[in-house]
Protein backbone atom coordinates (compact mmCIF):
# COMPACT_ATOMS: atom_id res chain seq x y z
CA MET A 1 -23.13 40.72 -28.83
CA GLY A 2 -26.87 41.04 -29.40
CA SER A 3 -29.52 40.72 -26.74
CA MET A 4 -30.21 37.39 -25.09
CA ASN A 5 -33.59 37.14 -26.78
CA SER A 6 -32.10 37.54 -30.26
CA LEU A 7 -30.03 34.39 -29.80
CA PHE A 8 -33.14 32.21 -29.66
CA PRO A 9 -35.21 32.61 -32.82
CA GLY A 10 -37.45 29.75 -31.72
CA ILE A 11 -36.15 27.08 -34.12
CA GLY A 12 -33.42 25.47 -32.03
CA VAL A 13 -30.04 26.55 -30.80
CA SER A 14 -26.67 25.72 -32.29
CA ARG A 15 -23.67 24.64 -30.21
CA PHE A 16 -22.08 28.03 -30.82
CA GLN A 17 -25.20 29.86 -29.66
CA ARG A 18 -25.32 27.83 -26.46
CA LEU A 19 -21.68 28.74 -25.81
CA ILE A 20 -22.36 32.45 -26.38
CA VAL A 21 -25.39 32.34 -24.11
CA LEU A 22 -23.58 30.62 -21.23
CA ARG A 23 -20.62 33.00 -21.51
CA SER A 24 -23.06 35.81 -20.62
CA PHE A 25 -23.91 34.20 -17.25
CA PRO A 26 -21.97 35.75 -14.33
CA ALA A 27 -20.54 32.40 -13.17
CA TYR A 28 -18.95 31.78 -16.58
CA GLN A 29 -17.88 35.24 -17.73
CA GLU A 30 -14.33 34.90 -16.42
CA LEU A 31 -13.81 31.27 -17.40
CA PRO A 32 -11.83 30.29 -20.52
CA ALA A 33 -14.03 29.43 -23.48
CA GLU A 34 -12.90 25.79 -23.43
CA ASP A 35 -14.32 25.41 -19.91
CA VAL A 36 -17.69 26.86 -20.91
CA VAL A 37 -17.81 24.60 -23.97
CA VAL A 38 -17.68 21.58 -21.65
CA VAL A 39 -20.88 22.82 -19.99
CA SER A 40 -22.67 24.12 -23.09
CA GLU A 41 -22.29 20.83 -24.97
CA ARG A 42 -24.21 19.01 -22.24
CA THR A 43 -27.18 21.41 -22.25
CA VAL A 44 -30.51 21.08 -24.06
CA GLU A 45 -32.86 23.91 -25.04
CA ARG A 46 -36.19 23.86 -23.20
CA PHE A 47 -39.31 26.04 -23.58
CA PHE A 48 -41.93 26.61 -20.87
CA ALA A 49 -45.16 28.50 -21.48
CA ALA A 50 -46.41 30.90 -18.82
CA GLY A 51 -47.83 28.83 -15.95
CA ASP A 52 -45.75 25.73 -16.70
CA TYR A 53 -43.72 24.12 -13.94
CA LEU A 54 -40.00 23.61 -14.44
CA HIS A 55 -40.05 21.61 -11.22
CA ARG A 56 -42.60 20.70 -8.56
CA GLU A 57 -42.09 20.69 -4.82
CA GLY A 58 -42.04 17.21 -3.35
CA GLN A 59 -39.63 15.81 -5.92
CA PRO A 60 -35.82 15.84 -5.91
CA PHE A 61 -34.12 17.95 -8.55
CA SER A 62 -32.75 16.05 -11.54
CA SER A 63 -31.65 19.05 -13.60
CA ILE A 64 -30.49 22.65 -13.56
CA HIS A 65 -31.96 25.40 -15.75
CA PHE A 66 -30.02 28.38 -17.13
CA VAL A 67 -32.70 31.00 -17.79
CA VAL A 68 -32.12 32.59 -21.19
CA ARG A 69 -35.32 34.59 -21.45
CA GLY A 70 -38.52 34.83 -19.44
CA LEU A 71 -39.19 34.84 -15.72
CA VAL A 72 -39.36 32.00 -13.18
CA GLN A 73 -40.75 32.16 -9.65
CA THR A 74 -39.67 29.74 -6.93
CA LYS A 75 -41.93 28.86 -4.01
CA ARG A 76 -41.19 26.70 -0.99
CA HIS A 77 -43.83 25.53 1.47
CA GLY A 78 -46.27 27.91 -0.21
CA SER A 79 -44.09 31.01 0.22
CA VAL A 80 -42.43 32.86 -2.63
CA VAL A 81 -38.65 32.65 -2.33
CA ARG A 82 -37.52 34.76 -5.28
CA GLU A 83 -37.83 35.35 -9.01
CA PHE A 84 -35.25 34.46 -11.64
CA GLY A 85 -34.86 36.35 -14.90
CA PRO A 86 -32.38 36.02 -17.76
CA GLN A 87 -28.80 35.10 -16.87
CA THR A 88 -29.79 33.37 -13.64
CA VAL A 89 -29.80 29.69 -12.69
CA VAL A 90 -32.86 27.81 -11.37
CA GLY A 91 -32.64 24.50 -9.55
CA GLY A 92 -28.89 24.50 -9.09
CA VAL A 93 -29.05 24.96 -5.33
CA GLY A 94 -31.65 22.22 -4.86
CA ALA A 95 -29.77 19.82 -7.12
CA LEU A 96 -26.44 20.38 -5.38
CA ALA A 97 -28.00 20.18 -1.91
CA ARG A 98 -29.73 16.94 -2.92
CA GLU A 99 -32.85 18.41 -1.39
CA PRO A 100 -35.42 15.57 -1.41
CA ASP A 101 -38.47 17.84 -1.35
CA GLY A 102 -37.25 20.52 -3.76
CA TYR A 103 -39.40 23.56 -4.40
CA ASP A 104 -41.85 24.80 -7.01
CA CYS A 105 -40.34 26.52 -10.04
CA ILE A 106 -43.05 28.19 -12.14
CA ALA A 107 -42.71 30.12 -15.38
CA LEU A 108 -44.43 33.48 -14.85
CA GLU A 109 -44.10 34.22 -18.56
CA ASP A 110 -42.96 32.29 -21.61
CA THR A 111 -39.49 31.10 -20.69
CA THR A 112 -36.57 29.53 -22.53
CA THR A 113 -33.81 27.74 -20.65
CA LEU A 114 -30.77 25.62 -21.25
CA GLU A 115 -31.18 22.47 -19.17
CA LEU A 116 -28.26 20.54 -17.67
CA SER A 117 -28.84 17.23 -15.89
CA SER A 118 -27.57 16.95 -12.32
CA ASP A 119 -25.51 13.89 -13.23
CA ASP A 120 -23.81 15.76 -16.07
CA ALA A 121 -23.12 18.70 -13.78
CA GLU A 122 -21.37 16.48 -11.24
CA GLU A 123 -19.24 14.88 -13.98
CA ILE A 124 -18.22 18.35 -15.14
CA PHE A 125 -17.28 19.36 -11.59
CA GLU A 126 -15.12 16.26 -11.22
CA ASP A 127 -13.30 16.84 -14.51
CA ASN A 128 -12.91 20.62 -14.42
CA PHE A 129 -11.99 22.37 -11.18
CA ARG A 130 -12.18 25.86 -12.68
CA VAL A 131 -15.91 25.32 -13.22
CA THR A 132 -16.26 23.91 -9.70
CA ARG A 133 -14.46 26.89 -8.20
CA SER A 134 -16.65 29.32 -10.11
CA VAL A 135 -19.82 27.67 -8.78
CA ILE A 136 -18.42 27.65 -5.22
CA GLN A 137 -17.78 31.39 -5.56
CA ARG A 138 -21.26 32.13 -6.89
CA LEU A 139 -23.07 30.09 -4.22
CA SER A 140 -20.92 31.59 -1.47
CA GLY A 141 -21.80 35.04 -2.77
CA GLU A 142 -25.48 34.06 -2.58
CA LEU A 143 -25.00 33.19 1.10
CA VAL A 144 -23.41 36.57 1.78
CA HIS A 145 -26.17 38.55 0.06
CA MET A 146 -29.04 36.68 1.71
CA ARG A 147 -27.67 37.31 5.23
CA ARG A 148 -28.98 40.89 5.06
CA ASP A 149 -32.53 39.53 4.65
CA LEU A 150 -32.30 37.13 7.59
CA GLY A 151 -33.36 39.34 10.47
CA PRO A 152 -31.53 41.03 13.34
CA HIS A 153 -29.04 38.16 13.82
CA ALA A 154 -28.45 37.62 10.07
CA GLY A 155 -29.73 34.05 10.40
CA PHE A 156 -27.02 32.96 12.84
CA SER A 157 -27.87 30.99 15.96
CA MET A 158 -27.03 32.87 19.14
CA ASN A 159 -26.29 29.60 20.96
CA ILE A 160 -22.57 29.44 21.63
CA ALA A 161 -20.80 26.08 21.88
CA GLU A 162 -18.29 25.07 24.52
CA PRO A 163 -14.61 25.70 23.68
CA LEU A 164 -13.15 23.08 21.38
CA LEU A 165 -9.87 23.27 23.30
CA SER A 166 -8.50 25.45 26.10
CA PRO A 167 -4.86 25.66 25.13
CA THR A 168 -2.19 27.11 27.39
CA ARG A 169 0.34 26.85 24.54
CA ASN A 170 0.30 26.81 20.75
CA LEU A 171 -1.82 24.04 19.25
CA ASP A 172 0.07 21.05 17.90
CA LEU A 173 -0.78 19.37 14.58
CA VAL A 174 -3.13 16.80 16.10
CA GLU A 175 -5.04 19.51 17.98
CA ARG A 176 -5.35 21.62 14.83
CA MET A 177 -6.67 18.61 12.93
CA ARG A 178 -9.20 17.99 15.71
CA VAL A 179 -10.45 21.58 15.47
CA LEU A 180 -10.73 21.43 11.68
CA ARG A 181 -12.48 18.08 11.77
CA GLN A 182 -15.11 19.38 14.17
CA SER A 183 -15.76 22.62 12.29
CA MET A 184 -15.25 21.60 8.63
CA THR A 185 -17.68 18.69 8.55
CA PHE A 186 -17.51 18.49 4.75
CA ALA A 187 -13.88 17.30 5.02
CA GLN A 188 -13.84 15.31 8.23
CA SER A 189 -13.40 11.91 6.59
CA ARG A 190 -10.20 12.88 4.79
CA MET A 191 -7.51 12.88 7.43
CA GLU A 192 -4.67 13.31 4.92
CA ALA A 193 -6.29 16.45 3.51
CA LEU A 194 -7.06 17.81 6.97
CA SER A 195 -3.43 17.23 7.92
CA GLU A 196 -2.31 19.32 4.93
CA LEU A 197 -4.69 22.12 5.88
CA ALA A 198 -3.72 21.97 9.56
CA ARG A 199 -0.04 22.39 8.68
CA ASP A 200 -0.80 25.55 6.70
CA ALA A 201 -3.26 27.06 9.21
CA ARG A 202 -2.01 29.97 11.29
CA GLU A 203 -2.94 30.21 14.95
CA LEU A 204 -4.12 33.68 15.99
CA CYS A 205 -4.65 35.14 19.44
CA ILE A 206 -7.10 38.04 19.36
CA ALA A 207 -7.33 40.24 22.45
CA LYS A 208 -10.66 41.29 23.94
CA ASP A 209 -12.15 44.23 21.97
CA GLU A 210 -9.53 43.82 19.22
CA LEU A 211 -10.84 44.29 15.70
CA ALA A 212 -10.36 41.30 13.37
CA TRP A 213 -11.58 43.32 10.37
CA GLN A 214 -13.88 46.17 9.38
CA GLU A 215 -16.80 46.08 6.98
CA GLY A 216 -15.46 46.61 3.46
CA ASP A 217 -11.98 45.21 4.16
CA PRO A 218 -10.58 42.69 1.66
CA SER A 219 -11.31 39.10 2.61
CA GLY A 220 -9.07 36.21 1.55
CA HIS A 221 -9.10 34.11 4.71
CA THR A 222 -11.45 32.39 7.15
CA LEU A 223 -11.18 32.19 10.92
CA ILE A 224 -12.10 28.97 12.75
CA VAL A 225 -12.81 29.85 16.38
CA VAL A 226 -11.13 27.50 18.88
CA ASN A 227 -12.24 29.35 21.99
CA GLY A 228 -13.51 32.83 22.75
CA LEU A 229 -16.19 34.89 21.06
CA ILE A 230 -16.39 37.04 17.93
CA GLU A 231 -19.12 39.66 17.57
CA GLY A 232 -20.25 40.58 14.09
CA THR A 233 -22.04 43.87 13.43
CA VAL A 234 -23.44 45.38 10.23
CA PRO A 235 -23.71 49.16 10.72
CA ASP A 236 -26.19 49.94 7.93
CA THR A 237 -28.69 47.19 8.87
CA GLY A 238 -28.14 47.14 12.63
CA GLN A 239 -27.63 43.38 12.54
CA ARG A 240 -25.59 41.80 15.32
CA PHE A 241 -24.53 38.20 15.85
CA LEU A 242 -22.08 36.11 17.87
CA LEU A 243 -19.76 33.37 16.60
CA GLY A 244 -18.01 31.03 19.00
CA PRO A 245 -16.05 27.79 19.20
CA GLY A 246 -16.33 25.65 16.10
CA ASP A 247 -17.81 28.47 14.03
CA SER A 248 -16.34 29.63 10.74
CA VAL A 249 -16.00 33.42 10.59
CA GLY A 250 -15.81 35.15 7.22
CA GLY A 251 -15.85 32.01 5.11
CA PRO A 252 -18.52 32.79 2.49
CA GLU A 253 -17.17 36.20 1.44
CA SER A 254 -13.65 34.79 1.31
CA LEU A 255 -14.74 31.93 -0.96
CA ALA A 256 -16.72 34.41 -3.07
CA ASN A 257 -13.81 36.89 -3.24
CA LEU A 258 -16.05 39.64 -1.85
CA PRO A 259 -15.21 42.37 0.69
CA ARG A 260 -16.05 41.80 4.34
CA TRP A 261 -19.77 42.44 4.82
CA PHE A 262 -19.59 42.89 8.62
CA GLU A 263 -17.27 44.19 11.30
CA ALA A 264 -15.70 41.42 13.40
CA ARG A 265 -14.46 42.16 16.93
CA ALA A 266 -13.40 39.85 19.77
CA LYS A 267 -15.81 40.04 22.72
CA GLN A 268 -13.50 37.79 24.73
CA PRO A 269 -9.86 36.78 24.37
CA THR A 270 -10.09 34.50 21.35
CA VAL A 271 -7.93 31.80 19.79
CA ALA A 272 -8.63 31.01 16.13
CA LEU A 273 -7.11 29.21 13.19
CA ARG A 274 -6.65 31.28 10.03
CA ILE A 275 -7.28 29.41 6.76
CA ASP A 276 -6.09 31.29 3.66
CA THR A 277 -8.58 30.92 0.81
CA GLU A 278 -6.05 30.08 -1.91
CA ILE A 279 -4.59 27.32 0.23
CA LEU A 280 -8.08 25.92 0.72
CA PHE A 281 -8.77 26.06 -3.03
CA ASP A 282 -5.51 24.22 -3.70
CA LEU A 283 -6.69 21.49 -1.35
CA LEU A 284 -10.11 21.35 -3.02
CA GLU A 285 -8.52 20.99 -6.44
CA ASP A 286 -6.56 17.97 -5.24
CA HIS A 287 -9.52 16.29 -3.52
CA PHE A 288 -12.73 16.21 -5.56
CA ASP A 289 -14.69 14.45 -2.82
CA ILE A 290 -14.01 17.38 -0.49
CA SER A 291 -14.84 20.02 -3.10
CA ILE A 292 -18.18 18.40 -3.97
CA SER A 293 -18.94 17.99 -0.24
CA LEU A 294 -18.22 21.68 0.26
CA LEU A 295 -20.46 22.57 -2.69
CA ARG A 296 -23.28 20.53 -1.19
CA ALA A 297 -22.75 22.10 2.25
CA ILE A 298 -22.92 25.62 0.79
CA ALA A 299 -26.01 24.70 -1.22
CA ARG A 300 -27.69 23.33 1.90
CA GLY A 301 -26.83 26.59 3.65
CA VAL A 302 -28.55 28.52 0.86
CA MET A 303 -31.61 26.25 1.12
CA VAL A 304 -31.78 26.90 4.88
CA GLY A 305 -31.49 30.59 4.09
CA TYR A 306 -34.42 30.38 1.69
CA ASP A 307 -36.57 28.80 4.41
CA LYS A 308 -35.52 31.38 7.01
CA ILE A 309 -36.23 34.27 4.64
CA ALA A 310 -39.70 32.85 3.96
CA GLU A 311 -40.35 32.46 7.71
CA PHE A 312 -39.07 35.96 8.42
CA ARG A 313 -41.30 37.47 5.73
CA GLN A 314 -44.32 35.54 6.99
CA SER A 315 -43.75 36.73 10.56
CA LYS A 316 -43.41 40.34 9.39
CA THR A 317 -46.63 40.03 7.39
CA ALA A 318 -48.47 38.53 10.36
CA LEU A 319 -47.17 41.24 12.68
CA ALA A 320 -48.22 43.96 10.23
CA ALA A 321 -51.72 42.42 10.01
CA GLN A 322 -52.05 42.40 13.80
CA THR A 323 -51.15 46.08 14.11
CA ARG A 324 -53.67 47.30 11.54
């Protein structure tokens, strides 16, 4: 296939060209062509000259832009968040998070995109779970990668909640559902679905100082802490964080099908529920309202990450200025 730029001669884009372009985006490379066609047929070619705004902060997002050529900078509260080149998506996180204030998206050079309305995107998610799953994986991967830029605690709060339960025996179904409802807020209204997940969850007892996994291990499951404390460490960055009752441990990399990005070790005797990723995806496929709620929750997490990265960079800049 030719370069991305060669697909857009400047006189409009055929349906076939839009399909070829979208198939080059990482989120769609492994999807069957018929799934990508569903998306490509809803897109419209847009051109932005250098300096044009794709979106302005202060307004909710109404569309998503697949950048075909050019360069787009995003800014939030006056701080640069990141730049997006070809084969990246602009506005998707804000649209999914239903962020009311949005953020500035500015073309740094002449830019061509394929635009998809937020309403069309949600219809596609409802009708095609393979597309939904692919987006969940990509956004979860974004969460994993941004953690390394979020300071010494990787953006996690070091405030530890009280134990959800203090069991002296194995948790029964109702207790498992209670734990899941408190920790998986995106699914708390669907008791039938939570019951299914609770039946499949495995209860684990992790001894003090026992290793749950090492950095680089395969993922494939999430731990929901019932009581106890898990310490996460990232050897190459020196980051350290604590996850306690109600926290999800290892969820983003499991959803993204990425290796573990930190070492997890019990600092106290810990009880946790293990949720296998494929079982969770089966549940999401059967319950669209839960899958779209999860998508929005992940997107909101990415938005919070953007803000924290901007704050962290500003504080580093201010500290550097003070020491000059």
